[in-house]
Amino acid sequence: MSTDTTSAPNFIRNQIREEIEAGRSGKIVTRFPPEPNGFLHIGHAKSICLNFGLAEHFGGDCHLRFDDTNPAKEEQAYIDAIKADVHWLGFEWAGPVRFASDYFDQLYAWAQHLVREGKAYVDDLSPDEIREYRGTLTEAGKPSPYRERSAAENLDLLERMRTGEFAEGEKVLRAKIDMASPNINLRDPILYRIRHASHHQTGDKWKIYPSYDFTHGQSDAIEGVTHSICTLEFEDHRPLYEWFLDNLPVPAKPRQIEFARLNLNYTLTSKRKLKLLVDEGIVDGWDDPRLPTISGMRRRGYTPASIRKFCEMIGVTRADGGLVDIAMLYHAIRSDLEDNAPRAMAVLKPLKVVLTNVPQEFEEVYEVAGHPAREDMAVRKVPLTREIYIDHDDFMEEPPKKFFRLAPGKEVRLRNSYVIRCDEVIKDAAGEISELRCSVDFDTLGKNPEGRKVKGVIHWVSAEYGVPMEVRLYDNLFLEEQPDKDKDADFLEHLNPASLVTVQAIGEPSLAGAEPESRFQFERVGYFCADRHASHGDRLVFNRTVGLKDSWARMQKKEQDRKKG
């Protein structure tokens, strides 16, 4: 498995290749450093493919390291889910799973080193005062009145912070850099905060926890990471990353490189907002198929190959390319499932059809290919009986001119079977169509009828042998292309009320044994996946992954034709 393509832009890979050719880099070591405070999403998938892909491409290693510096928001469930997601995407990390907390002792020793060197101090300012003293983008900050404490006093206060003598927010440890720097990140950033929280890895050992900025560069150095790959919002943090490496006795000096993050339309990738959707019960957990989480996409029916392909398609650049069209993501999964998903027939809006010119006990069984282009897929058996179901949308009582499906007095072919004609429409007391009476032309199996053209072909399922199932029709969770674009508005106002529609459907018998997460093309309908939670035993639930129409592929072809013309 490789994430490398010759067509996808990847300036980082090109830079590393130049470094290796110039003799400036040896073995490449990257890392994927998620915070265990939520589930991974499609933006993380891009980072995973990039970091693991670079290591694979250059014969190096990629570490999985959890940035577990805020125990109040972290859970073991998130750790387990993240490991499962990385594995499911098809990647293996080098060595054991690592944690930033593995290095807490060393980080604390390095904090003491900065204090002894006069490059860090304990500050008593409140969080609000620290923000006020920091200044603005146009005004320099001003030094804290506690900035010139002696090294001995700072070491004593820091140790007392560590042992839990002070309350949360009462003191912090800050680096002493430059309160007038045009880069606000260098205006005496916070290194440690007091948090009286038990940690999922270290228990109650620590009462102070390091900041992300103080943790990740030194963790990279300890692990021998050569390239710290992160998104563009950390570009302004790079001088701080390098300041720590230059002012501490670290064993190595990794290089930070930034790339543009993924922004997908009709989607949110803020973990805070995704957590709100989960906590408020707006979605069914972190793996709700409407969410862009890797777990949610997996449950919806996405394959690891399709997500990796999508990440290849969008490439890796420094330029913020704006919103990526979600149609590209749909194209990636549709292309995969077109080649690899077995076929089946399922009727989502069942309308009973009685074949009047066959006896009650009539039954014919057809052997149908599992996939039209895959001889390796098992043949399925499809029974035709006197009573069948077709989709309500395949019948119109008063059809327009180019409606080539079933109508009174009109003919249509049942897929893989005979041509039938609608002879009678039965309605209930409310005037709704409840049943169709049709006749079979037995001289049309595998051939066209004599003297007339039948253009329409519809899918169907035997009423006797059909399998009842629940089908969940998922759509975009938001109606607005950028649901959180307006910072003053509530993004929840843009929720799509039709993002989930559930129907009771009938499937062909071959679907009865569908395993959880097995994927199918329901012919003429779309691609569907057996829900990994709900599908078991006599209960079948299918989630719609994506429809059959590929708007992105059509747009690409139109653009190619335009360029050729």
Protein backbone atom coordinates (compact mmCIF):
# COMPACT_ATOMS: atom_id res chain seq x y z
CA MET A 1 0.00 0.00 0.00
CA SER A 2 1.36 3.40 -0.92
CA THR A 3 0.08 6.94 -0.56
CA ASP A 4 2.47 8.22 -3.22
CA THR A 5 1.36 9.37 -6.68
CA THR A 6 3.25 11.18 -9.37
CA SER A 7 0.38 13.57 -10.07
CA ALA A 8 -0.42 14.75 -6.55
CA PRO A 9 1.48 17.91 -5.51
CA ASN A 10 3.67 17.35 -2.46
CA PHE A 11 6.28 20.03 -1.84
CA ILE A 12 7.36 18.42 1.45
CA ARG A 13 8.35 15.19 -0.27
CA ASN A 14 10.32 17.21 -2.82
CA GLN A 15 12.12 19.15 -0.08
CA ILE A 16 13.06 16.00 1.81
CA ARG A 17 14.33 14.39 -1.39
CA GLU A 18 16.57 17.43 -1.97
CA GLU A 19 17.87 17.23 1.61
CA ILE A 20 18.74 13.55 1.21
CA GLU A 21 20.42 14.11 -2.15
CA ALA A 22 22.47 16.97 -0.65
CA GLY A 23 23.50 14.79 2.29
CA ARG A 24 21.68 16.93 4.89
CA SER A 25 19.29 14.17 6.02
CA GLY A 26 19.81 10.58 6.98
CA LYS A 27 16.99 8.28 8.03
CA ILE A 28 13.65 10.10 7.92
CA VAL A 29 11.51 10.00 11.07
CA THR A 30 8.08 11.62 11.17
CA ARG A 31 5.30 11.49 13.74
CA PHE A 32 1.55 11.78 13.96
CA PRO A 33 0.74 13.55 17.27
CA PRO A 34 -3.03 13.58 17.95
CA GLU A 35 -4.61 15.02 21.07
CA PRO A 36 -6.77 12.31 22.73
CA ASN A 37 -9.68 14.73 23.27
CA GLY A 38 -11.97 13.51 20.49
CA PHE A 39 -12.17 11.26 17.47
CA LEU A 40 -10.04 11.78 14.36
CA HIS A 41 -11.64 13.39 11.30
CA ILE A 42 -10.93 13.66 7.57
CA GLY A 43 -8.42 16.48 8.19
CA HIS A 44 -6.44 14.15 10.42
CA ALA A 45 -6.62 11.52 7.69
CA LYS A 46 -4.72 13.90 5.40
CA SER A 47 -2.03 14.33 8.08
CA ILE A 48 -1.88 10.58 8.70
CA CYS A 49 -1.44 9.83 5.00
CA LEU A 50 1.22 12.54 4.74
CA ASN A 51 3.30 11.58 7.77
CA PHE A 52 3.11 7.82 7.32
CA GLY A 53 3.41 8.21 3.54
CA LEU A 54 6.62 10.25 3.79
CA ALA A 55 8.19 7.68 6.11
CA GLU A 56 7.16 4.88 3.78
CA HIS A 57 8.37 6.70 0.66
CA PHE A 58 11.84 7.34 2.09
CA GLY A 59 12.21 4.06 4.00
CA GLY A 60 11.95 5.75 7.39
CA ASP A 61 9.78 5.52 10.48
CA CYS A 62 6.60 7.24 11.61
CA HIS A 63 5.73 7.40 15.30
CA LEU A 64 2.28 7.57 16.83
CA ARG A 65 2.53 9.90 19.81
CA PHE A 66 -0.40 11.18 21.83
CA ASP A 67 -0.17 14.81 22.89
CA ASP A 68 -1.69 14.12 26.29
CA THR A 69 -0.99 17.37 28.12
CA ASN A 70 -4.57 18.27 29.13
CA PRO A 71 -6.02 15.38 31.17
CA ALA A 72 -9.25 17.26 31.89
CA LYS A 73 -10.35 16.77 28.28
CA GLU A 74 -8.75 13.42 27.50
CA GLU A 75 -10.15 9.90 27.69
CA GLN A 76 -8.89 6.38 27.15
CA ALA A 77 -11.80 5.86 24.74
CA TYR A 78 -10.32 8.51 22.46
CA ILE A 79 -6.90 6.85 22.59
CA ASP A 80 -8.38 3.49 21.65
CA ALA A 81 -10.43 5.00 18.81
CA ILE A 82 -7.44 6.87 17.38
CA LYS A 83 -5.27 3.75 17.35
CA ALA A 84 -8.09 1.82 15.67
CA ASP A 85 -8.53 4.53 13.03
CA VAL A 86 -4.83 4.64 12.13
CA HIS A 87 -4.75 0.84 11.83
CA TRP A 88 -7.97 0.79 9.78
CA LEU A 89 -6.51 3.30 7.33
CA GLY A 90 -3.76 0.78 6.70
CA PHE A 91 -0.79 2.20 8.60
CA GLU A 92 1.61 0.77 11.20
CA TRP A 93 3.59 3.02 13.50
CA ALA A 94 7.20 2.31 14.35
CA GLY A 95 7.85 0.97 17.83
CA PRO A 96 5.39 1.28 20.70
CA VAL A 97 2.64 3.84 20.99
CA ARG A 98 4.23 6.92 22.52
CA PHE A 99 2.82 9.58 24.83
CA ALA A 100 4.04 13.08 25.57
CA SER A 101 3.48 12.09 29.21
CA ASP A 102 6.32 9.58 28.79
CA TYR A 103 8.60 12.63 28.81
CA PHE A 104 7.06 14.61 31.68
CA ASP A 105 10.08 14.03 33.93
CA GLN A 106 12.50 15.21 31.26
CA LEU A 107 10.33 18.18 30.32
CA TYR A 108 10.18 19.25 33.95
CA ALA A 109 13.97 18.98 34.22
CA TRP A 110 14.30 21.15 31.12
CA ALA A 111 11.87 23.69 32.60
CA GLN A 112 14.13 23.85 35.66
CA HIS A 113 17.10 24.31 33.31
CA LEU A 114 15.43 27.35 31.72
CA VAL A 115 14.72 28.78 35.17
CA ARG A 116 18.35 28.34 36.25
CA GLU A 117 19.48 30.02 33.03
CA GLY A 118 17.25 33.00 33.72
CA LYS A 119 15.04 32.13 30.73
CA ALA A 120 11.85 31.20 32.60
CA TYR A 121 9.97 32.51 35.61
CA VAL A 122 6.90 31.83 37.75
CA ASP A 123 4.19 34.42 37.16
CA ASP A 124 1.35 35.29 39.54
CA LEU A 125 -0.71 37.27 37.03
CA SER A 126 -4.24 35.99 36.41
CA PRO A 127 -5.15 34.63 32.98
CA ASP A 128 -6.97 37.88 32.15
CA GLU A 129 -3.99 39.96 33.26
CA ILE A 130 -1.62 37.84 31.18
CA ARG A 131 -3.76 38.50 28.12
CA GLU A 132 -3.84 42.22 28.91
CA TYR A 133 -0.07 42.42 29.45
CA ARG A 134 0.66 40.49 26.24
CA GLY A 135 -0.39 43.44 24.04
CA THR A 136 -1.87 43.29 20.55
CA LEU A 137 -0.72 42.82 16.99
CA THR A 138 -0.02 46.56 16.80
CA GLU A 139 1.07 47.24 20.39
CA ALA A 140 3.98 45.71 22.29
CA GLY A 141 3.32 43.86 25.50
CA LYS A 142 4.62 44.91 28.89
CA PRO A 143 6.62 42.79 31.32
CA SER A 144 4.98 41.10 34.27
CA PRO A 145 5.91 42.57 37.65
CA TYR A 146 7.08 39.04 38.58
CA ARG A 147 9.40 38.71 35.56
CA GLU A 148 12.60 39.47 37.46
CA ARG A 149 12.24 37.00 40.28
CA SER A 150 15.49 35.26 41.13
CA ALA A 151 16.27 31.80 39.80
CA ALA A 152 16.22 30.41 43.34
CA GLU A 153 12.77 31.82 44.07
CA ASN A 154 11.42 30.58 40.74
CA LEU A 155 12.80 27.08 41.29
CA ASP A 156 11.20 26.97 44.73
CA LEU A 157 7.83 28.19 43.43
CA LEU A 158 7.94 25.79 40.48
CA GLU A 159 8.53 22.83 42.76
CA ARG A 160 5.69 23.91 45.03
CA MET A 161 3.46 24.21 41.97
CA ARG A 162 4.41 20.66 41.04
CA THR A 163 3.50 19.26 44.44
CA GLY A 164 0.06 20.89 44.42
CA GLU A 165 0.55 23.68 46.94
CA PHE A 166 -1.23 26.29 44.81
CA ALA A 167 -4.71 26.47 43.30
CA GLU A 168 -5.42 26.23 39.59
CA GLY A 169 -4.82 29.56 37.87
CA GLU A 170 -2.87 30.93 40.81
CA LYS A 171 0.53 30.68 39.10
CA VAL A 172 2.06 29.67 35.77
CA LEU A 173 5.58 29.12 34.50
CA ARG A 174 6.48 31.36 31.54
CA ALA A 175 9.47 31.54 29.24
CA LYS A 176 11.36 34.84 29.35
CA ILE A 177 11.80 35.81 25.71
CA ASP A 178 10.64 39.19 24.36
CA MET A 179 7.49 41.07 25.36
CA ALA A 180 7.99 43.46 22.44
CA SER A 181 8.35 40.77 19.76
CA PRO A 182 6.17 41.29 16.67
CA ASN A 183 5.39 37.56 17.01
CA ILE A 184 2.98 37.34 19.94
CA ASN A 185 3.93 33.69 20.49
CA LEU A 186 7.35 34.90 21.70
CA ARG A 187 5.90 37.27 24.32
CA ASP A 188 6.78 35.12 27.31
CA PRO A 189 4.63 32.08 26.47
CA ILE A 190 3.25 29.83 29.19
CA LEU A 191 5.19 26.61 29.75
CA TYR A 192 3.26 25.06 32.67
CA ARG A 193 -0.22 25.47 34.15
CA ILE A 194 -1.53 24.13 37.45
CA ARG A 195 -4.18 21.45 36.91
CA HIS A 196 -5.39 19.31 39.79
CA ALA A 197 -6.54 16.55 37.45
CA SER A 198 -5.75 12.87 37.41
CA HIS A 199 -3.98 11.80 34.22
CA HIS A 200 -4.93 8.66 32.29
CA GLN A 201 -1.26 7.63 32.00
CA THR A 202 0.49 9.15 35.04
CA GLY A 203 -2.32 9.13 37.60
CA ASP A 204 -1.98 11.78 40.32
CA LYS A 205 1.78 12.23 40.05
CA TRP A 206 1.58 15.69 38.50
CA LYS A 207 -0.27 18.82 39.56
CA ILE A 208 1.17 20.86 36.69
CA TYR A 209 1.04 20.08 32.99
CA PRO A 210 3.15 21.46 30.13
CA SER A 211 1.73 23.48 27.26
CA TYR A 212 1.60 22.06 23.76
CA ASP A 213 4.22 24.54 22.54
CA PHE A 214 6.65 23.48 25.24
CA THR A 215 5.94 19.79 24.77
CA HIS A 216 5.90 18.89 21.11
CA GLY A 217 9.29 20.14 19.93
CA GLN A 218 11.17 18.58 22.82
CA SER A 219 9.21 15.33 22.42
CA ASP A 220 10.23 15.31 18.74
CA ALA A 221 13.85 15.83 19.78
CA ILE A 222 13.77 13.00 22.33
CA GLU A 223 12.37 10.62 19.73
CA GLY A 224 14.82 11.65 17.00
CA VAL A 225 12.08 12.98 14.75
CA THR A 226 13.69 14.62 11.73
CA HIS A 227 10.67 16.41 10.29
CA SER A 228 7.81 17.84 12.33
CA ILE A 229 4.96 18.18 9.82
CA CYS A 230 2.06 20.40 10.89
CA THR A 231 -0.63 22.65 9.44
CA LEU A 232 -0.19 26.32 8.58
CA GLU A 233 -1.73 27.67 11.78
CA PHE A 234 1.51 26.58 13.50
CA GLU A 235 3.74 28.61 11.19
CA ASP A 236 3.83 31.52 13.65
CA HIS A 237 4.73 29.04 16.38
CA ARG A 238 7.82 27.82 14.53
CA PRO A 239 10.14 30.53 15.97
CA LEU A 240 9.08 29.40 19.45
CA TYR A 241 9.57 25.73 18.52
CA GLU A 242 13.10 26.60 17.42
CA TRP A 243 13.76 28.84 20.46
CA PHE A 244 13.18 25.94 22.81
CA LEU A 245 15.41 23.64 20.77
CA ASP A 246 18.16 26.30 20.72
CA ASN A 247 17.96 27.00 24.46
CA LEU A 248 17.70 23.47 25.82
CA PRO A 249 20.25 20.62 25.81
CA VAL A 250 18.11 18.51 23.48
CA PRO A 251 19.61 15.48 21.69
CA ALA A 252 18.39 16.50 18.22
CA LYS A 253 16.89 19.45 16.33
CA PRO A 254 13.90 18.47 14.19
CA ARG A 255 12.74 20.69 11.34
CA GLN A 256 9.16 22.00 11.36
CA ILE A 257 7.40 22.25 7.98
CA GLU A 258 3.84 23.51 7.55
CA PHE A 259 1.23 22.60 4.96
CA ALA A 260 -2.31 23.78 4.20
CA ARG A 261 -5.02 22.06 6.20
CA LEU A 262 -8.04 20.43 4.62
CA ASN A 263 -11.24 22.46 4.48
CA LEU A 264 -14.18 20.48 3.13
CA ASN A 265 -17.45 22.16 2.19
CA TYR A 266 -20.75 21.32 3.93
CA THR A 267 -18.62 19.97 6.77
CA LEU A 268 -17.09 20.94 10.11
CA THR A 269 -13.73 19.67 11.35
CA SER A 270 -13.49 21.60 14.60
CA LYS A 271 -13.26 18.98 17.33
CA ARG A 272 -14.92 21.39 19.75
CA LYS A 273 -17.94 21.75 17.45
CA LEU A 274 -18.03 18.06 16.62
CA LYS A 275 -18.04 17.32 20.35
CA LEU A 276 -20.93 19.75 20.78
CA LEU A 277 -22.93 17.85 18.15
CA VAL A 278 -22.22 14.62 20.02
CA ASP A 279 -22.87 15.98 23.52
CA GLU A 280 -26.14 17.64 22.51
CA GLY A 281 -27.42 14.42 20.91
CA ILE A 282 -27.73 16.06 17.49
CA VAL A 283 -25.83 13.09 16.06
CA ASP A 284 -25.59 9.49 17.19
CA GLY A 285 -22.12 9.55 18.74
CA TRP A 286 -18.67 10.23 17.30
CA ASP A 287 -19.15 7.56 14.63
CA ASP A 288 -22.44 8.93 13.30
CA PRO A 289 -22.21 8.43 9.51
CA ARG A 290 -23.01 12.11 8.95
CA LEU A 291 -19.85 13.24 10.73
CA PRO A 292 -16.49 13.63 8.93
CA THR A 293 -14.81 11.51 11.62
CA ILE A 294 -12.87 8.54 10.32
CA SER A 295 -15.08 6.29 12.47
CA GLY A 296 -18.20 7.91 11.04
CA MET A 297 -16.97 7.57 7.47
CA ARG A 298 -16.10 3.94 8.11
CA ARG A 299 -19.61 3.30 9.45
CA ARG A 300 -21.09 5.05 6.42
CA GLY A 301 -19.24 2.68 4.11
CA TYR A 302 -16.05 4.49 3.13
CA THR A 303 -13.06 2.25 2.55
CA PRO A 304 -9.50 2.94 3.70
CA ALA A 305 -8.42 2.97 0.05
CA SER A 306 -10.99 5.62 -0.86
CA ILE A 307 -9.90 7.95 1.94
CA ARG A 308 -6.23 7.52 1.02
CA LYS A 309 -7.13 8.16 -2.63
CA PHE A 310 -8.98 11.33 -1.69
CA CYS A 311 -5.95 12.57 0.26
CA GLU A 312 -3.79 11.89 -2.80
CA MET A 313 -6.21 13.78 -5.04
CA ILE A 314 -6.15 16.98 -2.99
CA GLY A 315 -2.36 16.94 -2.69
CA VAL A 316 -0.07 18.69 -0.19
CA THR A 317 0.67 22.38 -0.69
CA ARG A 318 1.43 25.48 1.34
CA ALA A 319 -1.26 27.47 -0.43
CA ASP A 320 -4.62 27.66 1.27
CA GLY A 321 -6.73 26.43 -1.61
CA GLY A 322 -10.00 27.31 0.10
CA LEU A 323 -12.77 24.76 0.30
CA VAL A 324 -12.38 21.31 -1.20
CA ASP A 325 -15.55 20.17 -2.94
CA ILE A 326 -17.13 17.27 -1.09
CA ALA A 327 -17.95 15.86 -4.53
CA MET A 328 -14.25 14.89 -4.76
CA LEU A 329 -14.66 12.74 -1.66
CA TYR A 330 -17.80 11.17 -3.10
CA HIS A 331 -15.94 10.50 -6.34
CA ALA A 332 -13.15 8.69 -4.46
CA ILE A 333 -15.50 6.28 -2.68
CA ARG A 334 -17.75 5.83 -5.70
CA SER A 335 -14.76 4.87 -7.88
CA ASP A 336 -13.62 2.32 -5.31
CA LEU A 337 -17.03 0.75 -4.80
CA GLU A 338 -17.81 0.72 -8.54
CA ASP A 339 -14.90 -1.69 -8.94
CA ASN A 340 -15.19 -3.64 -5.70
CA ALA A 341 -18.74 -3.67 -4.33
CA PRO A 342 -20.92 -6.69 -5.21
CA ARG A 343 -24.31 -5.94 -6.73
CA ALA A 344 -27.74 -6.62 -5.28
CA MET A 345 -31.31 -5.46 -5.80
CA ALA A 346 -33.21 -3.63 -3.07
CA VAL A 347 -36.52 -1.80 -3.19
CA LEU A 348 -36.59 1.26 -0.94
CA LYS A 349 -40.22 2.28 -1.61
CA PRO A 350 -41.98 -1.05 -2.10
CA LEU A 351 -45.02 -1.29 -4.40
CA LYS A 352 -46.56 -4.76 -4.75
CA VAL A 353 -46.89 -6.23 -8.23
CA VAL A 354 -48.93 -9.39 -8.90
CA LEU A 355 -48.03 -11.31 -12.05
CA THR A 356 -51.49 -12.47 -13.04
CA ASN A 357 -50.63 -14.93 -15.80
CA VAL A 358 -48.51 -17.22 -13.62
CA PRO A 359 -49.78 -19.79 -11.07
CA GLN A 360 -49.63 -19.21 -7.32
CA GLU A 361 -46.74 -21.63 -6.90
CA PHE A 362 -44.70 -20.10 -9.77
CA GLU A 363 -41.00 -19.76 -9.07
CA GLU A 364 -37.96 -19.27 -11.28
CA VAL A 365 -34.44 -18.76 -9.93
CA TYR A 366 -31.85 -16.84 -11.92
CA GLU A 367 -28.11 -17.07 -11.42
CA VAL A 368 -26.81 -13.51 -11.61
CA ALA A 369 -23.22 -12.26 -11.55
CA GLY A 370 -22.10 -10.76 -8.25
CA HIS A 371 -20.33 -8.02 -10.25
CA PRO A 372 -20.55 -7.42 -14.01
CA ALA A 373 -16.75 -7.17 -14.37
CA ARG A 374 -15.54 -9.46 -11.56
CA GLU A 375 -15.56 -13.19 -12.19
CA ASP A 376 -14.03 -13.72 -8.74
CA MET A 377 -17.24 -12.61 -7.02
CA ALA A 378 -19.79 -15.25 -6.13
CA VAL A 379 -22.84 -15.72 -8.34
CA ARG A 380 -26.05 -14.88 -6.53
CA LYS A 381 -29.44 -16.57 -6.90
CA VAL A 382 -32.43 -14.31 -7.52
CA PRO A 383 -35.92 -15.92 -7.35
CA LEU A 384 -38.91 -14.63 -9.31
CA THR A 385 -42.32 -15.40 -7.81
CA ARG A 386 -45.94 -14.48 -8.58
CA GLU A 387 -45.80 -11.51 -6.21
CA ILE A 388 -42.88 -9.10 -6.34
CA TYR A 389 -42.06 -5.59 -5.21
CA ILE A 390 -40.87 -2.77 -7.43
CA ASP A 391 -39.96 0.75 -6.40
CA HIS A 392 -42.90 3.16 -6.24
CA ASP A 393 -40.84 5.68 -8.22
CA ASP A 394 -40.71 3.24 -11.15
CA PHE A 395 -44.45 3.58 -11.76
CA MET A 396 -46.51 6.58 -12.88
CA GLU A 397 -50.20 6.55 -13.56
CA GLU A 398 -49.93 9.49 -15.97
CA PRO A 399 -46.31 9.44 -17.17
CA PRO A 400 -44.59 12.21 -19.17
CA LYS A 401 -43.42 11.46 -22.69
CA LYS A 402 -39.93 10.18 -21.86
CA PHE A 403 -40.83 8.11 -18.82
CA PHE A 404 -39.49 4.68 -19.80
CA ARG A 405 -40.56 2.79 -16.72
CA LEU A 406 -43.90 1.21 -15.83
CA ALA A 407 -47.28 2.83 -16.54
CA PRO A 408 -50.82 1.58 -17.30
CA GLY A 409 -50.72 -0.36 -20.57
CA LYS A 410 -46.93 0.09 -20.83
CA GLU A 411 -44.16 -2.47 -20.69
CA VAL A 412 -40.87 -2.62 -18.84
CA ARG A 413 -38.21 -5.27 -18.34
CA LEU A 414 -37.55 -6.72 -14.91
CA ARG A 415 -33.78 -6.72 -14.47
CA ASN A 416 -32.32 -10.14 -15.40
CA SER A 417 -35.84 -11.42 -16.19
CA TYR A 418 -38.92 -10.97 -18.39
CA VAL A 419 -40.77 -8.03 -19.87
CA ILE A 420 -44.01 -7.29 -18.03
CA ARG A 421 -47.03 -5.10 -18.91
CA CYS A 422 -49.17 -3.18 -16.41
CA ASP A 423 -52.80 -4.18 -16.94
CA GLU A 424 -54.54 -2.86 -13.83
CA VAL A 425 -53.95 -0.39 -10.99
CA ILE A 426 -55.46 -1.22 -7.58
CA LYS A 427 -56.10 1.59 -5.09
CA ASP A 428 -57.04 1.63 -1.43
CA ALA A 429 -59.95 3.45 0.22
CA ALA A 430 -57.90 6.66 0.33
CA GLY A 431 -57.28 6.54 -3.40
CA GLU A 432 -53.59 5.61 -2.99
CA ILE A 433 -52.04 3.01 -5.28
CA SER A 434 -51.61 -0.22 -3.32
CA GLU A 435 -50.97 -2.84 -6.00
CA LEU A 436 -50.34 -3.35 -9.70
CA ARG A 437 -51.63 -6.27 -11.76
CA CYS A 438 -49.22 -7.14 -14.55
CA SER A 439 -48.75 -9.87 -17.13
CA VAL A 440 -45.50 -11.55 -18.17
CA ASP A 441 -44.29 -11.97 -21.75
CA PHE A 442 -42.61 -15.36 -21.44
CA ASP A 443 -40.92 -15.01 -24.81
CA THR A 444 -38.62 -12.23 -23.58
CA LEU A 445 -36.15 -13.94 -21.22
CA GLY A 446 -32.73 -12.89 -22.45
CA LYS A 447 -34.07 -11.38 -25.67
CA ASN A 448 -36.09 -8.44 -26.96
CA PRO A 449 -39.84 -8.79 -27.58
CA GLU A 450 -41.02 -9.30 -31.15
CA GLY A 451 -42.10 -6.21 -33.08
CA ARG A 452 -41.72 -3.60 -30.34
CA LYS A 453 -39.09 -1.78 -28.29
CA VAL A 454 -38.99 -1.85 -24.49
CA LYS A 455 -36.52 0.76 -23.26
CA GLY A 456 -37.03 0.62 -19.51
CA VAL A 457 -35.35 -1.80 -17.09
CA ILE A 458 -36.32 -1.75 -13.40
CA HIS A 459 -35.12 -3.60 -10.32
CA TRP A 460 -37.42 -5.79 -8.23
CA VAL A 461 -37.50 -8.25 -5.33
CA SER A 462 -39.57 -11.37 -4.69
CA ALA A 463 -42.29 -10.72 -2.11
CA GLU A 464 -41.95 -14.26 -0.79
CA TYR A 465 -38.16 -14.37 -0.47
CA GLY A 466 -37.33 -10.70 -0.01
CA VAL A 467 -35.42 -9.68 3.12
CA PRO A 468 -36.90 -6.87 5.27
CA MET A 469 -34.32 -4.26 6.17
CA GLU A 470 -34.00 -0.75 7.48
CA VAL A 471 -32.21 1.66 5.16
CA ARG A 472 -30.78 4.92 6.43
CA LEU A 473 -30.43 7.56 3.74
CA TYR A 474 -27.66 9.91 4.83
CA ASP A 475 -27.02 13.32 3.31
CA ASN A 476 -24.83 16.32 4.20
CA LEU A 477 -25.30 17.36 7.82
CA PHE A 478 -25.31 21.03 6.85
CA LEU A 479 -27.15 23.00 4.17
CA GLU A 480 -24.59 25.81 4.15
CA GLU A 481 -21.29 25.34 2.29
CA GLN A 482 -19.36 26.89 5.20
CA PRO A 483 -21.61 26.38 8.23
CA ASP A 484 -19.28 28.24 10.62
CA LYS A 485 -18.16 31.01 8.25
CA ASP A 486 -20.12 33.67 10.14
CA LYS A 487 -18.42 33.79 13.54
CA ASP A 488 -21.32 35.76 15.02
CA ALA A 489 -23.96 33.20 14.01
CA ASP A 490 -24.82 29.79 15.42
CA PHE A 491 -23.57 27.09 13.05
CA LEU A 492 -26.41 24.87 14.28
CA GLU A 493 -28.81 27.09 12.33
CA HIS A 494 -27.50 25.47 9.15
CA LEU A 495 -28.31 21.87 10.09
CA ASN A 496 -29.95 19.86 7.33
CA PRO A 497 -33.26 18.47 8.68
CA ALA A 498 -33.14 15.78 5.97
CA SER A 499 -29.58 14.64 6.74
CA LEU A 500 -31.05 11.28 7.83
CA VAL A 501 -34.16 9.70 6.37
CA THR A 502 -35.00 6.14 7.42
CA VAL A 503 -37.09 3.82 5.24
CA GLN A 504 -38.27 0.22 5.55
CA ALA A 505 -37.08 -1.60 2.46
CA ILE A 506 -36.99 -5.08 0.90
CA GLY A 507 -33.77 -6.65 -0.35
CA GLU A 508 -33.02 -9.69 -2.46
CA PRO A 509 -32.24 -12.93 -0.55
CA SER A 510 -28.47 -12.67 -1.06
CA LEU A 511 -28.42 -9.73 1.38
CA ALA A 512 -29.67 -11.86 4.28
CA GLY A 513 -26.15 -12.91 5.22
CA ALA A 514 -24.57 -9.46 4.88
CA GLU A 515 -21.78 -9.05 7.42
CA PRO A 516 -21.39 -5.77 9.32
CA GLU A 517 -19.43 -3.26 7.20
CA SER A 518 -19.99 -5.25 4.01
CA ARG A 519 -20.67 -2.93 1.08
CA PHE A 520 -22.98 -3.30 -1.91
CA GLN A 521 -24.23 -1.45 -4.89
CA PHE A 522 -28.00 -1.56 -4.77
CA GLU A 523 -28.64 -1.55 -8.49
CA ARG A 524 -30.09 1.70 -9.85
CA VAL A 525 -30.08 3.17 -6.31
CA GLY A 526 -26.60 3.73 -4.88
CA TYR A 527 -23.89 2.27 -2.65
CA PHE A 528 -24.77 0.98 0.81
CA CYS A 529 -23.00 -0.50 3.82
CA ALA A 530 -24.35 -2.88 6.45
CA ASP A 531 -24.25 -0.94 9.71
CA ARG A 532 -21.56 -2.32 12.00
CA HIS A 533 -23.62 -1.71 15.13
CA ALA A 534 -27.17 -2.54 14.09
CA SER A 535 -26.77 -5.33 11.52
CA HIS A 536 -26.81 -8.71 13.21
CA GLY A 537 -28.89 -11.87 13.12
CA ASP A 538 -32.37 -11.18 11.83
CA ARG A 539 -31.98 -7.38 11.89
CA LEU A 540 -30.46 -5.76 8.81
CA VAL A 541 -29.63 -2.07 8.68
CA PHE A 542 -27.94 -0.49 5.67
CA ASN A 543 -26.42 2.97 5.53
CA ARG A 544 -26.29 4.85 2.25
CA THR A 545 -22.69 5.67 1.47
CA VAL A 546 -23.19 7.64 -1.72
CA GLY A 547 -25.51 7.77 -4.72
CA LEU A 548 -24.70 6.56 -8.21
CA LYS A 549 -24.31 9.94 -9.92
CA ASP A 550 -20.78 11.33 -9.97
CA SER A 551 -21.02 15.10 -10.35
CA TRP A 552 -17.31 15.68 -9.71
CA ALA A 553 -16.25 13.24 -12.43
CA ARG A 554 -18.65 14.94 -14.86
CA MET A 555 -17.23 18.34 -13.98
CA GLN A 556 -13.68 17.06 -14.50
CA LYS A 557 -14.57 15.60 -17.89
CA LYS A 558 -16.29 18.84 -18.90
CA GLU A 559 -13.17 20.80 -17.93
CA GLN A 560 -10.92 18.40 -19.84
CA ASP A 561 -13.14 18.66 -22.91
CA ARG A 562 -13.04 22.45 -22.64
CA LYS A 563 -9.24 22.46 -22.57
CA LYS A 564 -9.07 20.10 -25.54
CA GLY A 565 -11.47 22.32 -27.48
